[in-house]
Structures are given as structure tokens and as C-alpha cells.
Amino acid sequence: MVYFVVTRYQYILEKIIPLFDKYPIQGVKALDYIEFKKVAVIMSKKAHLTKEGLSKIQSIKSNMNSLRSYV
């Protein structure tokens, strides 16, 4: 197990995302990573500051982790 402590948002874009793109997460958590990455991109474009962007993030969040619905 590894813990990452991120002290700046920019580190997510510069360090964390490239690391997990190079060394993909295995299993069900890979789906959560894809959603996490979508949110990071939304935030990097400052879209989270709009009502529509925030709503999109909330929608993504509602499908992550134990809340994910499997078909």
C-alpha cells in the first residue's frame, strides 16, 4: 500500500495523473481513477467555478467508490 500526500493541486496534474497513466491501477479502483482524472481536468479548466461544472463534478462523484452501480 502506498499513500500520496498532495500539498498543491498542480501536483495532481504534474505528478499523480502521469504516474497512474504510466502505471495503471488494476481492478475496480481503475474506474474511480478515470472519474478522478475527469474531475481534475474539469478543475484545471476552471469549469468547477460554474454551476454546470460543479453539477458535472457532483454527478461524477455520485458514481464513485461504493456508490458505483454495477450492471
N, C-alpha and C. Protein backbone atom coordinates (compact mmCIF):
# COMPACT_ATOMS: atom_id res chain seq x y z
N MET A 1 0.85 -1.16 0.00
CA MET A 1 0.00 0.00 0.00
C MET A 1 0.90 1.23 0.00
N VAL A 2 0.45 2.24 -0.71
CA VAL A 2 1.20 3.49 -0.80
C VAL A 2 0.24 4.64 -0.53
N TYR A 3 0.70 5.63 0.21
CA TYR A 3 -0.07 6.84 0.46
C TYR A 3 0.62 8.01 -0.22
N PHE A 4 -0.17 8.82 -0.91
CA PHE A 4 0.34 10.03 -1.51
C PHE A 4 -0.29 11.20 -0.78
N VAL A 5 0.52 12.15 -0.38
CA VAL A 5 0.02 13.37 0.22
C VAL A 5 0.32 14.49 -0.77
N VAL A 6 -0.73 15.13 -1.23
CA VAL A 6 -0.59 16.19 -2.23
C VAL A 6 -0.83 17.52 -1.53
N THR A 7 0.15 18.41 -1.64
CA THR A 7 0.03 19.70 -0.98
C THR A 7 -0.38 20.83 -1.92
N ARG A 8 -0.33 20.55 -3.22
CA ARG A 8 -0.74 21.55 -4.21
C ARG A 8 -1.55 20.88 -5.31
N TYR A 9 -2.59 21.54 -5.74
CA TYR A 9 -3.43 20.99 -6.80
C TYR A 9 -2.60 20.68 -8.04
N GLN A 10 -1.66 21.54 -8.37
CA GLN A 10 -0.85 21.37 -9.58
C GLN A 10 -0.11 20.04 -9.57
N TYR A 11 0.23 19.52 -8.39
CA TYR A 11 0.94 18.23 -8.30
C TYR A 11 0.06 17.08 -8.81
N ILE A 12 -1.24 17.23 -8.67
CA ILE A 12 -2.15 16.21 -9.20
C ILE A 12 -1.96 16.10 -10.70
N LEU A 13 -1.92 17.25 -11.37
CA LEU A 13 -1.78 17.26 -12.83
C LEU A 13 -0.37 16.89 -13.27
N GLU A 14 0.63 17.32 -12.52
CA GLU A 14 2.02 17.13 -12.94
C GLU A 14 2.63 15.81 -12.48
N LYS A 15 2.18 15.28 -11.37
CA LYS A 15 2.82 14.09 -10.79
C LYS A 15 1.90 12.88 -10.70
N ILE A 16 0.75 13.05 -10.08
CA ILE A 16 -0.12 11.91 -9.79
C ILE A 16 -0.73 11.32 -11.06
N ILE A 17 -1.36 12.15 -11.88
CA ILE A 17 -2.00 11.64 -13.09
C ILE A 17 -0.98 11.00 -14.04
N PRO A 18 0.16 11.64 -14.32
CA PRO A 18 1.13 10.96 -15.18
C PRO A 18 1.63 9.62 -14.60
N LEU A 19 1.78 9.56 -13.29
CA LEU A 19 2.23 8.32 -12.65
C LEU A 19 1.22 7.20 -12.89
N PHE A 20 -0.06 7.48 -12.63
CA PHE A 20 -1.07 6.44 -12.79
C PHE A 20 -1.42 6.17 -14.25
N ASP A 21 -1.10 7.10 -15.14
CA ASP A 21 -1.24 6.80 -16.57
C ASP A 21 -0.13 5.85 -17.02
N LYS A 22 1.07 6.05 -16.47
CA LYS A 22 2.20 5.19 -16.82
C LYS A 22 2.09 3.82 -16.16
N TYR A 23 1.64 3.79 -14.90
CA TYR A 23 1.49 2.54 -14.14
C TYR A 23 0.02 2.42 -13.72
N PRO A 24 -0.81 1.90 -14.62
CA PRO A 24 -2.26 1.88 -14.37
C PRO A 24 -2.67 1.10 -13.12
N ILE A 25 -3.70 1.61 -12.49
CA ILE A 25 -4.32 0.95 -11.35
C ILE A 25 -5.07 -0.26 -11.88
N GLN A 26 -5.01 -1.35 -11.14
CA GLN A 26 -5.68 -2.59 -11.54
C GLN A 26 -6.98 -2.74 -10.76
N GLY A 27 -7.92 -3.43 -11.33
CA GLY A 27 -9.16 -3.74 -10.64
C GLY A 27 -10.19 -2.63 -10.69
N VAL A 28 -11.13 -2.72 -9.79
CA VAL A 28 -12.27 -1.82 -9.77
C VAL A 28 -11.85 -0.37 -9.50
N LYS A 29 -10.76 -0.15 -8.79
CA LYS A 29 -10.30 1.22 -8.50
C LYS A 29 -9.86 1.95 -9.76
N ALA A 30 -9.58 1.21 -10.83
CA ALA A 30 -9.23 1.85 -12.10
C ALA A 30 -10.38 2.71 -12.60
N LEU A 31 -11.60 2.26 -12.36
CA LEU A 31 -12.78 3.03 -12.78
C LEU A 31 -12.87 4.34 -11.99
N ASP A 32 -12.56 4.28 -10.71
CA ASP A 32 -12.56 5.50 -9.90
C ASP A 32 -11.46 6.46 -10.34
N TYR A 33 -10.32 5.92 -10.74
CA TYR A 33 -9.23 6.78 -11.22
C TYR A 33 -9.66 7.53 -12.47
N ILE A 34 -10.34 6.86 -13.37
CA ILE A 34 -10.81 7.52 -14.60
C ILE A 34 -11.73 8.69 -14.24
N GLU A 35 -12.61 8.48 -13.28
CA GLU A 35 -13.52 9.55 -12.84
C GLU A 35 -12.75 10.68 -12.15
N PHE A 36 -11.78 10.31 -11.31
CA PHE A 36 -10.94 11.29 -10.62
C PHE A 36 -10.22 12.17 -11.65
N LYS A 37 -9.71 11.54 -12.68
CA LYS A 37 -8.99 12.27 -13.74
C LYS A 37 -9.93 13.24 -14.47
N LYS A 38 -11.17 12.82 -14.71
CA LYS A 38 -12.15 13.71 -15.35
C LYS A 38 -12.37 14.97 -14.51
N VAL A 39 -12.50 14.78 -13.20
CA VAL A 39 -12.71 15.92 -12.30
C VAL A 39 -11.48 16.83 -12.31
N ALA A 40 -10.29 16.25 -12.30
CA ALA A 40 -9.07 17.05 -12.33
C ALA A 40 -9.01 17.91 -13.60
N VAL A 41 -9.42 17.35 -14.71
CA VAL A 41 -9.43 18.10 -15.98
C VAL A 41 -10.46 19.23 -15.92
N ILE A 42 -11.64 18.93 -15.39
CA ILE A 42 -12.67 19.97 -15.24
C ILE A 42 -12.14 21.12 -14.39
N MET A 43 -11.49 20.78 -13.29
CA MET A 43 -10.96 21.81 -12.40
C MET A 43 -9.81 22.58 -13.04
N SER A 44 -8.99 21.91 -13.84
CA SER A 44 -7.86 22.60 -14.48
C SER A 44 -8.34 23.65 -15.48
N LYS A 45 -9.54 23.44 -16.01
CA LYS A 45 -10.14 24.39 -16.96
C LYS A 45 -11.00 25.44 -16.24
N LYS A 46 -11.00 25.39 -14.90
CA LYS A 46 -11.77 26.31 -14.06
C LYS A 46 -13.27 26.17 -14.25
N ALA A 47 -13.70 25.06 -14.84
CA ALA A 47 -15.13 24.84 -15.07
C ALA A 47 -15.87 24.57 -13.77
N HIS A 48 -15.15 24.17 -12.73
CA HIS A 48 -15.80 23.91 -11.44
C HIS A 48 -16.34 25.18 -10.80
N LEU A 49 -15.96 26.31 -11.35
CA LEU A 49 -16.43 27.60 -10.83
C LEU A 49 -17.79 28.00 -11.40
N THR A 50 -18.28 27.19 -12.34
CA THR A 50 -19.61 27.45 -12.91
C THR A 50 -20.61 26.47 -12.32
N LYS A 51 -21.85 26.82 -12.39
CA LYS A 51 -22.91 25.94 -11.88
C LYS A 51 -22.93 24.61 -12.64
N GLU A 52 -22.75 24.69 -13.96
CA GLU A 52 -22.77 23.49 -14.79
C GLU A 52 -21.58 22.58 -14.47
N GLY A 53 -20.42 23.18 -14.31
CA GLY A 53 -19.22 22.41 -13.99
C GLY A 53 -19.32 21.74 -12.64
N LEU A 54 -19.82 22.46 -11.66
CA LEU A 54 -19.99 21.90 -10.33
C LEU A 54 -21.00 20.75 -10.35
N SER A 55 -22.06 20.92 -11.12
CA SER A 55 -23.06 19.87 -11.25
C SER A 55 -22.46 18.63 -11.89
N LYS A 56 -21.60 18.82 -12.88
CA LYS A 56 -20.93 17.69 -13.54
C LYS A 56 -20.04 16.95 -12.55
N ILE A 57 -19.32 17.68 -11.73
CA ILE A 57 -18.45 17.06 -10.72
C ILE A 57 -19.30 16.28 -9.71
N GLN A 58 -20.40 16.84 -9.28
CA GLN A 58 -21.27 16.14 -8.34
C GLN A 58 -21.84 14.86 -8.95
N SER A 59 -22.14 14.90 -10.23
CA SER A 59 -22.63 13.71 -10.92
C SER A 59 -21.55 12.64 -10.98
N ILE A 60 -20.33 13.03 -11.28
CA ILE A 60 -19.21 12.09 -11.32
C ILE A 60 -19.01 11.49 -9.94
N LYS A 61 -19.02 12.34 -8.92
CA LYS A 61 -18.82 11.88 -7.54
C LYS A 61 -19.86 10.85 -7.12
N SER A 62 -21.08 11.04 -7.57
CA SER A 62 -22.16 10.13 -7.17
C SER A 62 -21.98 8.73 -7.73
N ASN A 63 -21.07 8.56 -8.67
CA ASN A 63 -20.83 7.25 -9.25
C ASN A 63 -19.48 6.65 -8.85
N MET A 64 -18.84 7.23 -7.87
CA MET A 64 -17.53 6.75 -7.47
C MET A 64 -17.61 5.86 -6.24
N ASN A 65 -16.55 5.06 -6.08
CA ASN A 65 -16.37 4.19 -4.92
C ASN A 65 -17.57 3.29 -4.67
N SER A 66 -18.05 3.23 -3.47
CA SER A 66 -19.13 2.30 -3.13
C SER A 66 -20.47 2.73 -3.75
N LEU A 67 -20.53 3.93 -4.28
CA LEU A 67 -21.77 4.41 -4.88
C LEU A 67 -21.93 3.98 -6.33
N ARG A 68 -20.88 3.40 -6.90
CA ARG A 68 -20.90 2.98 -8.30
C ARG A 68 -21.94 1.86 -8.47
N SER A 69 -22.75 2.01 -9.50
CA SER A 69 -23.74 0.95 -9.78
C SER A 69 -23.17 0.03 -10.85
N TYR A 70 -23.21 -1.23 -10.57
CA TYR A 70 -22.68 -2.24 -11.49
C TYR A 70 -23.83 -2.90 -12.21
N VAL A 71 -23.62 -3.14 -13.48
CA VAL A 71 -24.67 -3.79 -14.28
C VAL A 71 -24.22 -5.18 -14.64
